[in-house]
Every structure is written in C-alpha cells, then in structure tokens.
C-alpha atoms as a PDB file:
ATOM      1  CA  MET A   1      69.477  96.120  89.611  1.00  0.00           C
ATOM      2  CA  GLU A   2      71.231  95.674  92.949  1.00  0.00           C
ATOM      3  CA  SER A   3      74.769  97.043  92.809  1.00  0.00           C
ATOM      4  CA  GLU A   4      77.690  94.741  93.519  1.00  0.00           C
ATOM      5  CA  THR A   5      78.670  96.830  96.558  1.00  0.00           C
ATOM      6  CA  LYS A   6      75.191  96.509  98.062  1.00  0.00           C
ATOM      7  CA  LYS A   7      75.222  92.763  97.369  1.00  0.00           C
ATOM      8  CA  GLU A   8      78.476  92.382  99.283  1.00  0.00           C
ATOM      9  CA  ILE A   9      77.207  94.511 102.180  1.00  0.00           C
ATOM     10  CA  LYS A  10      74.058  92.393 102.342  1.00  0.00           C
ATOM     11  CA  PHE A  11      76.099  89.183 102.273  1.00  0.00           C
ATOM     12  CA  LEU A  12      78.271  90.359 105.155  1.00  0.00           C
ATOM     13  CA  GLU A  13      75.241  91.271 107.305  1.00  0.00           C
ATOM     14  CA  GLY A  14      74.908  87.625 108.281  1.00  0.00           C
ATOM     15  CA  PRO A  15      73.042  84.516 107.135  1.00  0.00           C
ATOM     16  CA  GLN A  16      70.872  85.073 104.062  1.00  0.00           C
ATOM     17  CA  SER A  17      68.656  82.603 102.293  1.00  0.00           C
ATOM     18  CA  ARG A  18      70.459  79.494 101.087  1.00  0.00           C
ATOM     19  CA  TRP A  19      69.689  80.491  97.505  1.00  0.00           C
ATOM     20  CA  TYR A  20      71.141  83.980  98.004  1.00  0.00           C
ATOM     21  CA  ASP A  21      74.332  82.598  99.581  1.00  0.00           C
ATOM     22  CA  PHE A  22      74.654  80.003  96.827  1.00  0.00           C
ATOM     23  CA  LYS A  23      74.384  82.675  94.126  1.00  0.00           C
ATOM     24  CA  TYR A  24      76.991  84.782  95.909  1.00  0.00           C
ATOM     25  CA  ILE A  25      79.433  81.851  96.058  1.00  0.00           C
ATOM     26  CA  ILE A  26      78.913  81.203  92.359  1.00  0.00           C
ATOM     27  CA  SER A  27      79.652  84.846  91.577  1.00  0.00           C
ATOM     28  CA  VAL A  28      82.888  84.569  93.583  1.00  0.00           C
ATOM     29  CA  LEU A  29      83.815  81.414  91.668  1.00  0.00           C
ATOM     30  CA  PHE A  30      83.337  83.201  88.365  1.00  0.00           C
ATOM     31  CA  GLU A  31      85.502  86.085  89.579  1.00  0.00           C
ATOM     32  CA  PHE A  32      88.321  83.617  90.240  1.00  0.00           C
ATOM     33  CA  ILE A  33      87.854  81.970  86.858  1.00  0.00           C
ATOM     34  CA  LYS A  34      87.860  85.357  85.140  1.00  0.00           C
ATOM     35  CA  GLY A  35      91.029  86.350  86.978  1.00  0.00           C
ATOM     36  CA  PHE A  36      92.843  83.088  86.242  1.00  0.00           C
ATOM     37  CA  ARG A  37      92.020  83.307  82.530  1.00  0.00           C
ATOM     38  CA  ALA A  38      93.001  86.962  82.242  1.00  0.00           C
ATOM     39  CA  LEU A  39      96.286  86.693  84.133  1.00  0.00           C
ATOM     40  CA  HIS A  40      97.467  83.224  83.138  1.00  0.00           C
ATOM     41  CA  PHE A  41      99.965  84.442  80.529  1.00  0.00           C
ATOM     42  CA  ILE A  42     101.304  87.575  82.195  1.00  0.00           C
ATOM     43  CA  GLY A  43     104.374  85.786  83.578  1.00  0.00           C
ATOM     44  CA  PRO A  44     105.833  86.179  87.076  1.00  0.00           C
ATOM     45  CA  CYS A  45     105.053  89.591  88.492  1.00  0.00           C
ATOM     46  CA  VAL A  46     106.194  92.051  91.092  1.00  0.00           C
ATOM     47  CA  THR A  47     103.301  93.921  92.684  1.00  0.00           C
ATOM     48  CA  ILE A  48     103.740  97.583  93.573  1.00  0.00           C
ATOM     49  CA  PHE A  49     101.278  99.109  96.036  1.00  0.00           C
ATOM     50  CA  GLY A  50     100.836 102.767  96.880  1.00  0.00           C
ATOM     51  CA  SER A  51      98.478 105.696  97.088  1.00  0.00           C
ATOM     52  CA  ALA A  52      96.340 106.800  94.158  1.00  0.00           C
ATOM     53  CA  ARG A  53      96.636 110.420  95.306  1.00  0.00           C
ATOM     54  CA  PHE A  54     100.203 111.350  94.452  1.00  0.00           C
ATOM     55  CA  LYS A  55     100.590 113.441  91.294  1.00  0.00           C
ATOM     56  CA  GLU A  56     103.174 113.167  88.560  1.00  0.00           C
ATOM     57  CA  ASP A  57     105.510 115.765  90.085  1.00  0.00           C
ATOM     58  CA  HIS A  58     105.580 114.153  93.531  1.00  0.00           C
ATOM     59  CA  GLU A  59     108.759 112.542  94.842  1.00  0.00           C
ATOM     60  CA  TYR A  60     106.990 109.243  95.614  1.00  0.00           C
ATOM     61  CA  TYR A  61     105.571 109.082  92.068  1.00  0.00           C
ATOM     62  CA  GLN A  62     109.028 109.490  90.600  1.00  0.00           C
ATOM     63  CA  GLN A  63     110.526 106.887  92.938  1.00  0.00           C
ATOM     64  CA  ALA A  64     107.866 104.326  91.993  1.00  0.00           C
ATOM     65  CA  ARG A  65     108.355 105.081  88.316  1.00  0.00           C
ATOM     66  CA  GLN A  66     112.131 104.553  88.488  1.00  0.00           C
ATOM     67  CA  LEU A  67     111.929 101.459  90.708  1.00  0.00           C
ATOM     68  CA  ALA A  68     109.317  99.803  88.479  1.00  0.00           C
ATOM     69  CA  GLY A  69     111.471 100.397  85.432  1.00  0.00           C
ATOM     70  CA  GLU A  70     114.438  98.707  87.111  1.00  0.00           C
ATOM     71  CA  ILE A  71     112.315  95.736  88.173  1.00  0.00           C
ATOM     72  CA  ALA A  72     110.787  95.386  84.698  1.00  0.00           C
ATOM     73  CA  GLN A  73     114.256  95.172  83.192  1.00  0.00           C
ATOM     74  CA  LEU A  74     114.857  92.067  85.300  1.00  0.00           C
ATOM     75  CA  GLY A  75     112.083  90.384  83.289  1.00  0.00           C
ATOM     76  CA  PHE A  76     109.172  90.733  85.691  1.00  0.00           C
ATOM     77  CA  THR A  77     105.725  91.993  84.807  1.00  0.00           C
ATOM     78  CA  ILE A  78     104.754  95.014  86.891  1.00  0.00           C
ATOM     79  CA  ILE A  79     101.275  94.619  88.323  1.00  0.00           C
ATOM     80  CA  THR A  80      99.379  97.289  90.281  1.00  0.00           C
ATOM     81  CA  GLY A  81      95.836  98.242  91.174  1.00  0.00           C
ATOM     82  CA  GLY A  82      95.663  99.858  87.742  1.00  0.00           C
ATOM     83  CA  GLY A  83      94.661 103.335  88.899  1.00  0.00           C
ATOM     84  CA  PRO A  84      96.382 106.732  89.233  1.00  0.00           C
ATOM     85  CA  GLY A  85      99.134 107.895  91.568  1.00  0.00           C
ATOM     86  CA  ILE A  86     101.762 105.343  92.588  1.00  0.00           C
ATOM     87  CA  MET A  87      99.965 102.703  90.519  1.00  0.00           C
ATOM     88  CA  GLU A  88     100.214 104.800  87.377  1.00  0.00           C
ATOM     89  CA  ALA A  89     103.848 105.629  88.144  1.00  0.00           C
ATOM     90  CA  ALA A  90     104.768 101.951  88.427  1.00  0.00           C
ATOM     91  CA  ASN A  91     102.945 100.956  85.244  1.00  0.00           C
ATOM     92  CA  ARG A  92     104.489 103.920  83.469  1.00  0.00           C
ATOM     93  CA  GLY A  93     108.012 103.012  84.594  1.00  0.00           C
ATOM     94  CA  ALA A  94     107.565  99.506  83.213  1.00  0.00           C
ATOM     95  CA  LYS A  95     106.284 100.731  79.859  1.00  0.00           C
ATOM     96  CA  GLU A  96     109.089 103.249  79.441  1.00  0.00           C
ATOM     97  CA  VAL A  97     111.725 100.517  79.489  1.00  0.00           C
ATOM     98  CA  GLY A  98     109.784  98.153  77.234  1.00  0.00           C
ATOM     99  CA  GLY A  99     108.512  96.045  80.140  1.00  0.00           C
ATOM    100  CA  ARG A 100     105.104  94.513  80.746  1.00  0.00           C
ATOM    101  CA  SER A 101     102.447  96.404  82.634  1.00  0.00           C
ATOM    102  CA  VAL A 102      99.228  94.978  84.109  1.00  0.00           C
ATOM    103  CA  GLY A 103      96.433  96.326  86.316  1.00  0.00           C
ATOM    104  CA  CYS A 104      94.240  94.358  88.707  1.00  0.00           C
ATOM    105  CA  ASN A 105      91.574  96.906  89.532  1.00  0.00           C
ATOM    106  CA  ILE A 106      89.041  96.681  92.338  1.00  0.00           C
ATOM    107  CA  VAL A 107      85.475  97.746  91.536  1.00  0.00           C
ATOM    108  CA  LEU A 108      84.394 100.486  93.970  1.00  0.00           C
ATOM    109  CA  PRO A 109      81.350 102.804  94.236  1.00  0.00           C
ATOM    110  CA  ILE A 110      83.567 105.641  92.987  1.00  0.00           C
ATOM    111  CA  GLU A 111      84.704 104.390  89.603  1.00  0.00           C
ATOM    112  CA  GLN A 112      88.447 104.174  89.039  1.00  0.00           C
ATOM    113  CA  HIS A 113      89.553 104.352  85.428  1.00  0.00           C
ATOM    114  CA  PRO A 114      92.575 102.326  84.255  1.00  0.00           C
ATOM    115  CA  ASN A 115      95.686 104.430  83.816  1.00  0.00           C
ATOM    116  CA  PRO A 116      97.029 104.826  80.252  1.00  0.00           C
ATOM    117  CA  TYR A 117     100.174 102.712  80.801  1.00  0.00           C
ATOM    118  CA  LEU A 118      98.579  99.262  80.971  1.00  0.00           C
ATOM    119  CA  ASP A 119      99.068  96.457  78.454  1.00  0.00           C
ATOM    120  CA  LYS A 120      96.299  94.518  80.123  1.00  0.00           C
ATOM    121  CA  TRP A 121      93.887  95.003  82.998  1.00  0.00           C
ATOM    122  CA  ILE A 122      91.039  93.253  84.744  1.00  0.00           C
ATOM    123  CA  ASN A 123      88.258  94.519  87.007  1.00  0.00           C
ATOM    124  CA  ILE A 124      87.634  92.445  90.152  1.00  0.00           C
ATOM    125  CA  LYS A 125      84.556  92.846  92.346  1.00  0.00           C
ATOM    126  CA  TYR A 126      85.879  91.470  95.626  1.00  0.00           C
ATOM    127  CA  PHE A 127      88.965  92.496  97.586  1.00  0.00           C
ATOM    128  CA  PHE A 128      89.694  88.983  98.786  1.00  0.00           C
ATOM    129  CA  VAL A 129      89.655  87.615  95.224  1.00  0.00           C
ATOM    130  CA  ARG A 130      91.978  90.401  94.125  1.00  0.00           C
ATOM    131  CA  LYS A 131      94.394  89.631  96.963  1.00  0.00           C
ATOM    132  CA  VAL A 132      94.587  85.973  95.990  1.00  0.00           C
ATOM    133  CA  LEU A 133      95.309  86.897  92.366  1.00  0.00           C
ATOM    134  CA  LEU A 134      98.060  89.324  93.313  1.00  0.00           C
ATOM    135  CA  VAL A 135      99.759  86.763  95.534  1.00  0.00           C
ATOM    136  CA  LYS A 136      99.327  83.932  93.023  1.00  0.00           C
ATOM    137  CA  TYR A 137     101.115  85.729  90.187  1.00  0.00           C
ATOM    138  CA  SER A 138     103.628  87.794  92.178  1.00  0.00           C
ATOM    139  CA  TYR A 139     107.121  86.953  93.330  1.00  0.00           C
ATOM    140  CA  ALA A 140     107.556  90.080  95.437  1.00  0.00           C
ATOM    141  CA  PHE A 141     105.539  92.941  96.905  1.00  0.00           C
ATOM    142  CA  VAL A 142     106.799  96.527  97.023  1.00  0.00           C
ATOM    143  CA  VAL A 143     104.987  98.732  99.537  1.00  0.00           C
ATOM    144  CA  MET A 144     105.296 102.401  98.567  1.00  0.00           C
ATOM    145  CA  PRO A 145     103.768 105.276 100.565  1.00  0.00           C
ATOM    146  CA  GLY A 146     100.014 104.833 100.671  1.00  0.00           C
ATOM    147  CA  GLY A 147      96.897 104.659 102.801  1.00  0.00           C
ATOM    148  CA  PHE A 148      94.594 102.042 104.285  1.00  0.00           C
ATOM    149  CA  GLY A 149      94.481  99.930 101.135  1.00  0.00           C
ATOM    150  CA  THR A 150      98.261  99.792 100.887  1.00  0.00           C
ATOM    151  CA  LEU A 151      98.606  98.845 104.552  1.00  0.00           C
ATOM    152  CA  ASP A 152      95.884  96.238 104.159  1.00  0.00           C
ATOM    153  CA  GLU A 153      97.872  94.531 101.403  1.00  0.00           C
ATOM    154  CA  PHE A 154     101.096  94.762 103.420  1.00  0.00           C
ATOM    155  CA  PHE A 155      99.610  93.207 106.557  1.00  0.00           C
ATOM    156  CA  GLU A 156      97.859  90.518 104.531  1.00  0.00           C
ATOM    157  CA  ALA A 157     101.186  89.538 102.964  1.00  0.00           C
ATOM    158  CA  ILE A 158     103.224  89.726 106.173  1.00  0.00           C
ATOM    159  CA  THR A 159     100.638  87.582 107.996  1.00  0.00           C
ATOM    160  CA  LEU A 160     100.840  84.905 105.301  1.00  0.00           C
ATOM    161  CA  VAL A 161     104.637  84.942 105.471  1.00  0.00           C
ATOM    162  CA  GLN A 162     104.831  84.839 109.274  1.00  0.00           C
ATOM    163  CA  THR A 163     102.316  81.987 109.493  1.00  0.00           C
ATOM    164  CA  LYS A 164     104.228  80.180 106.717  1.00  0.00           C
ATOM    165  CA  LYS A 165     101.273  80.082 104.368  1.00  0.00           C
ATOM    166  CA  MET A 166     103.796  81.559 101.952  1.00  0.00           C
ATOM    167  CA  GLU A 167     107.437  80.567 102.144  1.00  0.00           C
ATOM    168  CA  GLY A 168     110.208  83.073 101.577  1.00  0.00           C
ATOM    169  CA  PHE A 169     108.017  85.691  99.911  1.00  0.00           C
ATOM    170  CA  PRO A 170     109.985  88.963  99.608  1.00  0.00           C
ATOM    171  CA  ILE A 171     108.323  92.155 100.816  1.00  0.00           C
ATOM    172  CA  ILE A 172     109.970  95.558 100.393  1.00  0.00           C
ATOM    173  CA  ILE A 173     108.879  98.648 102.309  1.00  0.00           C
ATOM    174  CA  PHE A 174     110.110 101.672 100.413  1.00  0.00           C
ATOM    175  CA  ASP A 175     110.797 105.019 102.101  1.00  0.00           C
ATOM    176  CA  LYS A 176     111.891 104.788 105.725  1.00  0.00           C
ATOM    177  CA  GLU A 177     110.751 108.289 106.672  1.00  0.00           C
ATOM    178  CA  TYR A 178     107.166 107.791 105.500  1.00  0.00           C
ATOM    179  CA  HIS A 179     106.850 104.434 107.247  1.00  0.00           C
ATOM    180  CA  LYS A 180     108.731 105.258 110.461  1.00  0.00           C
ATOM    181  CA  GLU A 181     105.570 105.251 112.627  1.00  0.00           C
ATOM    182  CA  LEU A 182     104.518 101.919 111.142  1.00  0.00           C
ATOM    183  CA  LEU A 183     107.951 100.455 111.886  1.00  0.00           C
ATOM    184  CA  ALA A 184     107.856 101.901 115.410  1.00  0.00           C
ATOM    185  CA  HIS A 185     104.498 100.220 116.005  1.00  0.00           C
ATOM    186  CA  ASN A 186     105.958  96.950 114.781  1.00  0.00           C
ATOM    187  CA  GLU A 187     108.731  97.369 117.374  1.00  0.00           C
ATOM    188  CA  ARG A 188     106.075  97.975 120.042  1.00  0.00           C
ATOM    189  CA  MET A 189     104.226  94.802 119.058  1.00  0.00           C
ATOM    190  CA  MET A 190     107.453  92.818 119.275  1.00  0.00           C
ATOM    191  CA  LYS A 191     108.213  94.184 122.754  1.00  0.00           C
ATOM    192  CA  GLU A 192     104.699  93.294 123.894  1.00  0.00           C
ATOM    193  CA  GLY A 193     105.138  89.790 122.477  1.00  0.00           C
ATOM    194  CA  THR A 194     102.235  90.023 120.025  1.00  0.00           C
ATOM    195  CA  ILE A 195     104.493  89.279 117.068  1.00  0.00           C
ATOM    196  CA  SER A 196     107.591  87.134 116.773  1.00  0.00           C
ATOM    197  CA  ALA A 197     111.020  88.554 117.505  1.00  0.00           C
ATOM    198  CA  ASN A 198     112.168  87.612 114.000  1.00  0.00           C
ATOM    199  CA  TYR A 199     109.738  89.983 112.296  1.00  0.00           C
ATOM    200  CA  PRO A 200     112.488  92.295 110.879  1.00  0.00           C
ATOM    201  CA  SER A 201     113.742  89.397 108.751  1.00  0.00           C
ATOM    202  CA  LEU A 202     110.359  89.108 107.050  1.00  0.00           C
ATOM    203  CA  TYR A 203     110.809  92.244 104.939  1.00  0.00           C
ATOM    204  CA  LEU A 204     113.313  94.807 103.721  1.00  0.00           C
ATOM    205  CA  VAL A 205     113.015  98.491 104.613  1.00  0.00           C
ATOM    206  CA  THR A 206     114.991 100.715 102.269  1.00  0.00           C
ATOM    207  CA  ASP A 207     115.346 104.052 100.505  1.00  0.00           C
ATOM    208  CA  SER A 208     117.667 102.581  97.890  1.00  0.00           C
ATOM    209  CA  ILE A 209     116.419 101.393  94.507  1.00  0.00           C
ATOM    210  CA  GLU A 210     119.668  99.467  94.048  1.00  0.00           C
ATOM    211  CA  GLU A 211     119.169  97.666  97.360  1.00  0.00           C
ATOM    212  CA  ALA A 212     115.580  96.814  96.443  1.00  0.00           C
ATOM    213  CA  ILE A 213     116.666  95.397  93.086  1.00  0.00           C
ATOM    214  CA  ASN A 214     119.392  93.272  94.659  1.00  0.00           C
ATOM    215  CA  TYR A 215     116.890  91.991  97.226  1.00  0.00           C
ATOM    216  CA  ILE A 216     114.494  90.907  94.459  1.00  0.00           C
ATOM    217  CA  LYS A 217     117.339  89.234  92.579  1.00  0.00           C
ATOM    218  CA  GLU A 218     118.276  87.252  95.678  1.00  0.00           C
ATOM    219  CA  LYS A 219     114.849  86.522  97.174  1.00  0.00           C
ATOM    220  CA  SER A 220     112.853  86.070  93.964  1.00  0.00           C
ATOM    221  CA  ILE A 221     114.991  85.105  90.958  1.00  0.00           C
ATOM    222  CA  VAL A 222     117.627  83.056  92.797  1.00  0.00           C
ATOM    223  CA  ALA A 223     115.458  81.700  95.618  1.00  0.00           C
ATOM    224  CA  PHE A 224     112.649  80.573  93.298  1.00  0.00           C
ATOM    225  CA  LYS A 225     115.074  79.448  90.560  1.00  0.00           C
ATOM    226  CA  LEU A 226     113.367  81.506  87.870  1.00  0.00           C
ATOM    227  CA  GLN A 227     114.635  81.072  84.339  1.00  0.00           C
ATOM    228  CA  TYR A 228     113.798  82.716  81.031  1.00  0.00           C
ATOM    229  CA  VAL A 229     111.871  80.430  78.690  1.00  0.00           C
ATOM    230  CA  LYS A 230     109.841  80.848  75.519  1.00  0.00           C
ATOM    231  CA  ALA A 231     106.325  82.180  75.882  1.00  0.00           C
ATOM    232  CA  PRO A 232     103.693  79.405  75.897  1.00  0.00           C
ATOM    233  CA  LYS A 233     101.348  78.939  72.977  1.00  0.00           C
ATOM    234  CA  LEU A 234      97.753  79.915  73.485  1.00  0.00           C
ATOM    235  CA  PHE A 235      95.160  77.155  73.468  1.00  0.00           C
ATOM    236  CA  TRP A 236      92.284  78.149  71.206  1.00  0.00           C
ATOM    237  CA  GLY A 237      89.914  75.744  72.967  1.00  0.00           C
ATOM    238  CA  PHE A 238      89.890  78.042  76.008  1.00  0.00           C
ATOM    239  CA  PHE A 239      89.679  81.198  73.853  1.00  0.00           C
ATOM    240  CA  GLU A 240      92.844  82.365  75.571  1.00  0.00           C
ATOM    241  CA  LYS A 241      94.143  85.830  74.819  1.00  0.00           C
ATOM    242  CA  GLY A 242      97.676  86.431  75.975  1.00  0.00           C
ATOM    243  CA  LEU A 243     100.032  89.269  75.164  1.00  0.00           C
ATOM    244  CA  LYS A 244     102.299  87.884  72.458  1.00  0.00           C
ATOM    245  CA  SER A 245     105.183  90.087  73.493  1.00  0.00           C
ATOM    246  CA  PHE A 246     105.246  88.630  77.000  1.00  0.00           C
ATOM    247  CA  VAL A 247     108.313  86.639  77.959  1.00  0.00           C
ATOM    248  CA  LYS A 248     107.324  84.013  80.474  1.00  0.00           C
ATOM    249  CA  LEU A 249     109.551  82.920  83.335  1.00  0.00           C
ATOM    250  CA  ASN A 250     109.528  79.357  84.595  1.00  0.00           C
ATOM    251  CA  ARG A 251     107.068  79.182  87.506  1.00  0.00           C
ATOM    252  CA  ASN A 252     107.694  75.925  89.381  1.00  0.00           C
ATOM    253  CA  PHE A 253     107.190  77.483  92.800  1.00  0.00           C
ATOM    254  CA  HIS A 254     103.546  77.732  93.835  1.00  0.00           C
ATOM    255  CA  LYS A 255     102.892  80.142  96.665  1.00  0.00           C
ATOM    256  CA  ILE A 256      99.269  79.154  97.067  1.00  0.00           C
ATOM    257  CA  PRO A 257      98.604  75.457  97.692  1.00  0.00           C
END
C-alpha cells in the first residue's frame, strides 16, 4: 500500500488524474474533520514550539518546562507537536502543575512516538492541516530554540499576523541569544524594505518567564476577553470524547474566518 508520504510527494509533482486529486482532497477533508473532533473540547491553548533534540538536562528543556507550567496555571491548555525534547518539556511542565497537555503530532517517515506527558494526542498526516489546527485552537505561540520546523511555524504565524489574516495574535520568541541571528536577519529585511518597519511590534523577544506570562495575560486573556466557564457537555450523537477534567474558556474570538 502506498505510504502517505509517497502519496503527498506524488500529489505535489503536478497535475494527476482527476480521480487521484479528488481522493487526495477527500483525505485532506477527513484529516480536518478528525482534528476538529479530537480537539474541540481542549479549550483555548498556547502552543509551544521547539526542537525535539534537547535532552532533559538541557537548559532549554528546563526553560520550556517551567514556562509551560506557568502558562498552564493561567488556565490554558498546553499544546505541542507531541514528541520529545522541547515538546516533551512543555507537556511535562503542564502536567506537573495539574494543567492540560495535548499533542498534535505530524506523521513522518521516521515515526515519532507521543511523549508520556500527554492527556490527549492526535496524529495528522499533512503539515498544512496541522498548522490550521494549531492556529485555530491557540491564543498564543511560544517559539523556543529549534530547527527548520520551529522556524516554519514562526514564519507562518508572523506572515498571518502581518497580513492581518490573524488580528492581534501574540507570538513570543524565547531566548535572545539563540535567536540573535534570526533577529538580525529580520533587521536586514526591514532595512531593505522587504518587511514593514513595524515588525518588532508583531512579537515579543524575551529571556524572562515573568515577562512572557504578563504578555500572554495582556495579549491573550485581556485582549480576547477570555473568561472561565463550565466545561460543555458532550453530545453523544457525535460520539464526542472530551477530557472531563478540562476547564473551557469562553472562545468568542475566531482567528480563522
């Protein structure tokens, strides 16, 4: 049976038969439906991105663990890619303070197993579907030290904010030293006129967990007028399976039209 990775590569090669393209679109539709059903009851989230390669004793792992715990205590669900490294640290930090911990894993040729600190996780085949789900359920992104995947998520988010496809979405870049070359390149792009001069206002760069927490309070809880409410009842007709311990926040603000 053709692997999902090979299917996607074939699809991106160019026009296929109409039947092949139709089947691919249907598979994408079902991925969205699966994601919506799985994540519907997780409540407003903060997404934490970062490398899968940092071990438990690494400084970045410990920073992500502490920061996630502080964010979880605000009432947010911590959502990550569900794997090891920074992702594990963030999910672990949430669990240690009694918070909610979710993974939205991407299916890759090299299998990535869910870390042991997840209340709930879902496997998604396509990166673009995963990105939509993370934006849909998140009220802030935290960019920890990472690689291409982390930068991909950051630039996706910052593009949506700058083009006003998302309004007022808070993005936090954590660790100034690690990201100094990235920030220098952003300065170069501004000088060359390829990005707007107001780009620094689109995100916060910090080394302070306290500053990051205050930024989320201001830009997420206050700006989006989030309030604690009772968790919704599950509707048996849709065979919905939520986490009963989840406390849902009022989500009147829709970031994706």
